[in-house]
Every structure is written in C-alpha cells, then in structure tokens.
C-alpha atoms as a PDB file:
ATOM      1  CA  MET A   1       4.792  20.903 -39.052  1.00  0.00           C
ATOM      2  CA  LYS A   2       1.252  21.652 -37.349  1.00  0.00           C
ATOM      3  CA  PHE A   3       0.296  18.043 -37.837  1.00  0.00           C
ATOM      4  CA  ALA A   4       3.256  16.873 -36.147  1.00  0.00           C
ATOM      5  CA  THR A   5       2.775  19.674 -33.077  1.00  0.00           C
ATOM      6  CA  VAL A   6      -1.028  17.743 -33.048  1.00  0.00           C
ATOM      7  CA  PHE A   7       0.635  14.362 -32.803  1.00  0.00           C
ATOM      8  CA  VAL A   8       3.312  14.899 -30.240  1.00  0.00           C
ATOM      9  CA  VAL A   9       0.212  16.551 -28.061  1.00  0.00           C
ATOM     10  CA  VAL A  10      -2.244  14.239 -28.694  1.00  0.00           C
ATOM     11  CA  LEU A  11       0.668  11.020 -28.341  1.00  0.00           C
ATOM     12  CA  ALA A  12       1.401  13.011 -24.731  1.00  0.00           C
ATOM     13  CA  ALA A  13      -1.933  12.607 -23.559  1.00  0.00           C
ATOM     14  CA  VAL A  14      -2.496   9.078 -24.391  1.00  0.00           C
ATOM     15  CA  LEU A  15       0.604   8.246 -22.429  1.00  0.00           C
ATOM     16  CA  GLY A  16      -0.202  10.392 -19.357  1.00  0.00           C
ATOM     17  CA  ALA A  17      -3.769   8.835 -19.372  1.00  0.00           C
ATOM     18  CA  CYS A  18      -2.630   5.232 -19.103  1.00  0.00           C
ATOM     19  CA  MET A  19       0.073   6.262 -16.049  1.00  0.00           C
ATOM     20  CA  VAL A  20      -3.045   7.282 -14.441  1.00  0.00           C
ATOM     21  CA  THR A  21      -4.589   4.294 -14.806  1.00  0.00           C
ATOM     22  CA  ALA A  22      -1.836   1.978 -13.955  1.00  0.00           C
ATOM     23  CA  GLN A  23      -0.996   3.775 -10.511  1.00  0.00           C
ATOM     24  CA  THR A  24      -0.861   1.948  -7.580  1.00  0.00           C
ATOM     25  CA  HIS A  25      -0.530   2.914  -3.590  1.00  0.00           C
ATOM     26  CA  ASN A  26       2.627  -0.042  -2.882  1.00  0.00           C
ATOM     27  CA  TYR A  27       4.458   0.271  -0.074  1.00  0.00           C
ATOM     28  CA  PHE A  28       7.401  -1.088   0.652  1.00  0.00           C
ATOM     29  CA  PHE A  29       9.331  -0.523   3.919  1.00  0.00           C
ATOM     30  CA  GLY A  30      12.663  -1.889   4.729  1.00  0.00           C
ATOM     31  CA  SER A  31      14.048  -4.788   2.275  1.00  0.00           C
ATOM     32  CA  ARG A  32      14.038  -8.198   2.946  1.00  0.00           C
ATOM     33  CA  ILE A  33      17.603 -10.235   3.457  1.00  0.00           C
ATOM     34  CA  PRO A  34      18.341 -14.037   3.303  1.00  0.00           C
ATOM     35  CA  TYR A  35      16.639 -15.854   6.242  1.00  0.00           C
ATOM     36  CA  ASP A  36      13.910 -13.420   6.725  1.00  0.00           C
ATOM     37  CA  SER A  37      10.568 -15.446   7.099  1.00  0.00           C
ATOM     38  CA  LEU A  38       7.314 -14.277   6.431  1.00  0.00           C
ATOM     39  CA  VAL A  39       6.019 -13.537   9.949  1.00  0.00           C
ATOM     40  CA  ASN A  40       2.224 -12.473   9.483  1.00  0.00           C
ATOM     41  CA  GLN A  41       0.160 -11.715   6.336  1.00  0.00           C
ATOM     42  CA  THR A  42      -3.373 -10.310   6.351  1.00  0.00           C
ATOM     43  CA  THR A  43      -5.504  -8.819   4.202  1.00  0.00           C
ATOM     44  CA  VAL A  44      -7.795  -5.837   5.261  1.00  0.00           C
ATOM     45  CA  ILE A  45     -10.975  -4.887   3.179  1.00  0.00           C
ATOM     46  CA  GLN A  46     -13.278  -2.410   3.153  1.00  0.00           C
ATOM     47  CA  SER A  47     -16.399  -1.353   1.354  1.00  0.00           C
ATOM     48  CA  SER A  48     -16.465   2.324   0.189  1.00  0.00           C
ATOM     49  CA  SER A  49     -19.135   4.926   1.709  1.00  0.00           C
ATOM     50  CA  PHE A  50     -19.779   8.027  -0.110  1.00  0.00           C
ATOM     51  CA  LEU A  51     -17.966  10.739   0.562  1.00  0.00           C
ATOM     52  CA  ARG A  52     -15.816   9.766   3.476  1.00  0.00           C
ATOM     53  CA  VAL A  53     -12.568   8.168   4.372  1.00  0.00           C
ATOM     54  CA  LYS A  54     -12.395   5.355   6.503  1.00  0.00           C
ATOM     55  CA  SER A  55      -9.073   3.728   8.128  1.00  0.00           C
ATOM     56  CA  ALA A  56      -8.414   1.129  10.164  1.00  0.00           C
ATOM     57  CA  TYR A  57      -5.431   0.119  11.978  1.00  0.00           C
ATOM     58  CA  LEU A  58      -3.282  -3.213  11.489  1.00  0.00           C
ATOM     59  CA  ASP A  59      -1.298  -4.479  14.945  1.00  0.00           C
ATOM     60  CA  TYR A  60       1.358  -6.894  14.787  1.00  0.00           C
ATOM     61  CA  PRO A  61       2.235  -8.935  17.150  1.00  0.00           C
ATOM     62  CA  LEU A  62      -1.550 -10.372  17.684  1.00  0.00           C
ATOM     63  CA  LYS A  63      -2.407 -10.316  21.082  1.00  0.00           C
ATOM     64  CA  GLY A  64      -0.523 -13.408  23.254  1.00  0.00           C
ATOM     65  CA  GLN A  65       2.083 -13.398  20.035  1.00  0.00           C
ATOM     66  CA  ARG A  66       5.859 -12.599  20.678  1.00  0.00           C
ATOM     67  CA  GLY A  67       6.807 -10.414  18.041  1.00  0.00           C
ATOM     68  CA  ARG A  68      10.191 -11.237  15.932  1.00  0.00           C
ATOM     69  CA  ASN A  69      12.728  -8.337  14.871  1.00  0.00           C
ATOM     70  CA  ILE A  70      10.666  -7.163  12.145  1.00  0.00           C
ATOM     71  CA  THR A  71      13.122  -6.657   8.694  1.00  0.00           C
ATOM     72  CA  ALA A  72      10.257  -5.376   5.901  1.00  0.00           C
ATOM     73  CA  ILE A  73       6.843  -4.589   5.652  1.00  0.00           C
ATOM     74  CA  TYR A  74       5.173  -4.916   2.242  1.00  0.00           C
ATOM     75  CA  VAL A  75       1.547  -3.078   1.738  1.00  0.00           C
ATOM     76  CA  TYR A  76       0.195  -4.253  -1.503  1.00  0.00           C
ATOM     77  CA  ASP A  77      -2.868  -1.751  -2.643  1.00  0.00           C
ATOM     78  CA  ARG A  78      -5.218  -4.660  -4.483  1.00  0.00           C
ATOM     79  CA  LEU A  79      -8.184  -2.254  -5.495  1.00  0.00           C
ATOM     80  CA  GLY A  80      -5.678  -0.675  -8.012  1.00  0.00           C
ATOM     81  CA  SER A  81      -6.522   1.891 -10.821  1.00  0.00           C
ATOM     82  CA  GLY A  82      -5.076   5.185  -8.617  1.00  0.00           C
ATOM     83  CA  ARG A  83      -8.431   4.415  -6.291  1.00  0.00           C
ATOM     84  CA  GLY A  84      -6.323   2.572  -3.603  1.00  0.00           C
ATOM     85  CA  GLY A  85      -5.546   4.008   0.097  1.00  0.00           C
ATOM     86  CA  TYR A  86      -2.670   5.123   1.542  1.00  0.00           C
ATOM     87  CA  ALA A  87      -0.506   2.938   4.182  1.00  0.00           C
ATOM     88  CA  SER A  88       1.870   4.714   7.036  1.00  0.00           C
ATOM     89  CA  ILE A  89       3.513   3.261  10.298  1.00  0.00           C
ATOM     90  CA  THR A  90       2.446   5.136  13.390  1.00  0.00           C
ATOM     91  CA  SER A  91       4.871   3.197  15.973  1.00  0.00           C
ATOM     92  CA  GLY A  92       7.341   0.178  15.919  1.00  0.00           C
ATOM     93  CA  GLY A  93       8.732  -0.680  12.911  1.00  0.00           C
ATOM     94  CA  ILE A  94      11.962  -2.011  11.253  1.00  0.00           C
ATOM     95  CA  GLY A  95      14.177  -3.248  13.592  1.00  0.00           C
ATOM     96  CA  LYS A  96      11.590  -3.317  15.985  1.00  0.00           C
ATOM     97  CA  ASN A  97       9.481  -6.488  17.373  1.00  0.00           C
ATOM     98  CA  TYR A  98       6.017  -4.685  16.844  1.00  0.00           C
ATOM     99  CA  THR A  99       4.526  -2.097  14.357  1.00  0.00           C
ATOM    100  CA  ARG A 100       1.189  -0.554  14.022  1.00  0.00           C
ATOM    101  CA  ILE A 101       0.063   0.159  10.732  1.00  0.00           C
ATOM    102  CA  ASN A 102      -2.828   2.843   9.910  1.00  0.00           C
ATOM    103  CA  LEU A 103      -4.308   2.477   6.511  1.00  0.00           C
ATOM    104  CA  LYS A 104      -6.469   4.927   4.999  1.00  0.00           C
ATOM    105  CA  THR A 105      -8.824   5.355   1.655  1.00  0.00           C
ATOM    106  CA  GLN A 106      -9.195   7.785  -0.616  1.00  0.00           C
ATOM    107  CA  ARG A 107     -12.469   9.885  -0.296  1.00  0.00           C
ATOM    108  CA  GLY A 108     -15.308   7.931  -1.784  1.00  0.00           C
ATOM    109  CA  ASN A 109     -13.611   4.821  -1.724  1.00  0.00           C
ATOM    110  CA  GLY A 110     -13.089   1.464  -0.242  1.00  0.00           C
ATOM    111  CA  MET A 111      -9.392  -0.535   0.655  1.00  0.00           C
ATOM    112  CA  ASN A 112      -7.979  -3.562  -0.552  1.00  0.00           C
ATOM    113  CA  PHE A 113      -4.536  -4.580   0.960  1.00  0.00           C
ATOM    114  CA  GLN A 114      -2.575  -7.186   1.708  1.00  0.00           C
ATOM    115  CA  VAL A 115      -0.059  -6.247   4.463  1.00  0.00           C
ATOM    116  CA  GLU A 116       3.436  -8.938   4.667  1.00  0.00           C
ATOM    117  CA  ILE A 117       5.627  -8.557   7.497  1.00  0.00           C
ATOM    118  CA  TYR A 118       9.243 -10.233   7.362  1.00  0.00           C
ATOM    119  CA  GLY A 119      11.568 -10.445  10.253  1.00  0.00           C
ATOM    120  CA  ARG A 120      13.922 -13.153  11.676  1.00  0.00           C
END
C-alpha cells in the first residue's frame, strides 16, 4: 500500500512538470469565419534584459493603410516553455477596423510573438 502511494505521488509530480514545460502564452481573440483573409501578419522579437519587463505595441492598420473589419486576432507565443510574454488588446479589436495590441515580457525574459489579424 505504501509503495502505491509513493508511486502515485511521483507520477503526479512528473506529469505536473511536463505540463509546466509545455505551457505557452498563445491568445486567440474572435474567430475566423468563411471568406476572411489575413490582413496583417507581424513578428515581434525582443531580447531579454536582466530583471526587466519590456513591452511593445502593435498597431493595425499601419499609417496610410485603410483598415478592414477585424474578425479574429491570433497571437502565437514562439518562445515557449512558459517563458513567453502576454498579449492584451488596449483599443479597437474584434468588430472594429483598427486595433492596438500590447505585448509584454515576463520579468527577465524576452519575447517572440507572431501576430495574425484576420478581417473582411
């Protein structure tokens, strides 16, 4: 009985460690629907700084462009291993023809995001 209890505790610890290493910070706002097209794709990369939090803003549309109605925003964390940053929409977004996305790192880590904006 004692062996079974120890086995279960060790198994839970191993599975918990596997779940932490596979964690990503992907964000999906809205959803793609038929006839949507990719209107903007951007990769944002920043290196890490010791004990610092960095942030970057991504604006759509770019200056001089005409914005299309946004139906989905996909933000992919390409850093992985739970070290990636966080994304939030600060203005505009789904149903609007503009958006501003704030990308922020974790303390002491860098960022590597791929942002895809779909619209019609």
